[in-house]
Structure formats: C-alpha cells, structure tokens
Amino acid sequence: MSWADAAAPIVAQVIRQVGRTDMRVLRKALADAYPWGERENARYKAWLVEIRRQLGHPLNAPRADPANRQLDLFNHVKNPAQSSRFRIQAEDKELR
C-alpha cells in the first residue's frame, strides 16, 4: 500500500465530517488529522497530493479569461452556419 492509498480514506473522512463550506476550518482539520508524525519526505508529499486530488485544488483548474477571444479561433464551431468557410461556400453557390 502506498502512502497516498493510506491517506485517501483519512482525507475523505475529514472532508465528510467537516464539510467544504469553510475551507479554513477544513484545512485546519486536515492538518490536525495528519497521521504520520513529522511532516517531511514522501509520506507528507503523498498526503498533500491526496488533499489536492480530493478537493480539486484551484491551481489545477484551467484559467479562463472571458475577455480573451483569441482562443475562440481554435474552438469547434457547433453551428456550421456560423463558420466563415460555410458562409463563403454558400455565397459562391448563390452566385453561380
């Protein structure tokens, strides 16, 4: 059993007991629930990784800027009538 496997049920239990509404209280409860003595080396890293995995750490979430329209260039167009290529082909057919 790895350190992360051993940490997973403990972290899950603390999250269930404390809840996710107050993150400061939850972080304190998770720090108090650390089961392996000193906070160092692989076991502590595994503990932190497991907390991030179960909480969905905000640093892992992709950052999106709604004002940045440049990424729209690469997104798939769901309605082909909105595509400029489709409109040009339709206009060519009308001209013929």
Protein backbone atom coordinates (compact mmCIF):
# COMPACT_ATOMS: atom_id res chain seq x y z
CA MET A 1 0.00 0.00 0.00
CA SER A 2 1.34 3.41 -0.94
CA TRP A 3 1.29 6.49 1.27
CA ALA A 4 -1.39 8.03 -0.95
CA ASP A 5 -3.54 4.91 -0.63
CA ALA A 6 -3.23 5.10 3.15
CA ALA A 7 -4.03 8.84 3.18
CA ALA A 8 -7.10 8.66 0.92
CA PRO A 9 -9.64 7.29 3.45
CA ILE A 10 -8.42 9.64 6.20
CA VAL A 11 -8.70 12.69 3.97
CA ALA A 12 -12.14 11.59 2.74
CA GLN A 13 -13.37 11.07 6.30
CA VAL A 14 -12.21 14.53 7.40
CA ILE A 15 -13.86 16.15 4.37
CA ARG A 16 -17.13 14.32 5.11
CA GLN A 17 -17.07 15.31 8.79
CA VAL A 18 -16.08 18.96 8.39
CA GLY A 19 -17.67 19.75 5.02
CA ARG A 20 -16.47 22.04 2.27
CA THR A 21 -18.26 25.24 3.25
CA ASP A 22 -15.45 26.79 5.32
CA MET A 23 -12.10 25.98 3.70
CA ARG A 24 -10.08 27.49 6.55
CA VAL A 25 -11.67 25.12 9.07
CA LEU A 26 -11.30 22.21 6.66
CA ARG A 27 -7.59 22.93 6.10
CA LYS A 28 -7.04 23.10 9.86
CA ALA A 29 -8.86 19.78 10.37
CA LEU A 30 -6.80 18.15 7.61
CA ALA A 31 -3.58 19.43 9.17
CA ASP A 32 -4.65 18.06 12.56
CA ALA A 33 -5.58 14.69 11.05
CA TYR A 34 -2.11 14.04 9.59
CA PRO A 35 -1.31 10.57 10.94
CA TRP A 36 2.44 10.03 10.43
CA GLY A 37 4.31 12.26 12.86
CA GLU A 38 6.69 14.77 11.28
CA ARG A 39 5.66 16.44 8.06
CA GLU A 40 8.50 15.54 5.75
CA ASN A 41 9.55 13.30 2.88
CA ALA A 42 7.38 11.16 0.63
CA ARG A 43 4.58 10.45 3.07
CA TYR A 44 3.87 14.16 3.63
CA LYS A 45 4.02 14.84 -0.12
CA ALA A 46 1.58 11.98 -0.70
CA TRP A 47 -0.71 13.45 1.97
CA LEU A 48 -0.70 16.87 0.28
CA VAL A 49 -1.25 15.36 -3.18
CA GLU A 50 -4.21 13.38 -1.86
CA ILE A 51 -5.74 16.51 -0.34
CA ARG A 52 -5.33 18.36 -3.64
CA ARG A 53 -6.81 15.42 -5.55
CA GLN A 54 -9.89 15.15 -3.36
CA LEU A 55 -10.52 18.87 -3.01
CA GLY A 56 -9.88 19.75 -6.65
CA HIS A 57 -7.17 22.28 -5.93
CA PRO A 58 -7.81 25.63 -7.66
CA LEU A 59 -4.27 25.72 -9.06
CA ASN A 60 -5.13 22.66 -11.13
CA ALA A 61 -8.14 24.35 -12.71
CA PRO A 62 -7.52 25.95 -16.09
CA ARG A 63 -7.57 29.71 -16.04
CA ALA A 64 -10.05 31.30 -18.39
CA ASP A 65 -10.20 34.96 -19.28
CA PRO A 66 -13.63 35.83 -20.69
CA ALA A 67 -12.21 38.96 -22.31
CA ASN A 68 -9.70 36.93 -24.31
CA ARG A 69 -11.43 35.96 -27.57
CA GLN A 70 -8.31 34.59 -29.22
CA LEU A 71 -8.97 31.03 -28.06
CA ASP A 72 -12.30 31.08 -29.90
CA LEU A 73 -10.30 30.68 -33.10
CA PHE A 74 -9.45 27.10 -32.15
CA ASN A 75 -12.79 26.03 -30.71
CA HIS A 76 -15.06 23.81 -32.76
CA VAL A 77 -17.99 25.61 -34.34
CA LYS A 78 -21.17 23.72 -33.42
CA ASN A 79 -23.37 25.56 -35.89
CA PRO A 80 -21.84 25.40 -39.39
CA ALA A 81 -23.82 28.48 -40.42
CA GLN A 82 -21.62 30.48 -38.03
CA SER A 83 -18.46 29.33 -39.78
CA SER A 84 -16.99 31.84 -42.23
CA ARG A 85 -15.95 28.96 -44.53
CA PHE A 86 -19.56 27.74 -44.69
CA ARG A 87 -20.83 31.26 -45.47
CA ILE A 88 -18.29 31.72 -48.28
CA GLN A 89 -19.27 28.38 -49.83
CA ALA A 90 -22.96 29.32 -49.56
CA GLU A 91 -22.33 32.70 -51.21
CA ASP A 92 -20.39 31.02 -54.04
CA LYS A 93 -23.33 28.69 -54.70
CA GLU A 94 -25.72 31.65 -54.81
CA LEU A 95 -23.54 33.47 -57.34
CA ARG A 96 -23.45 30.55 -59.74
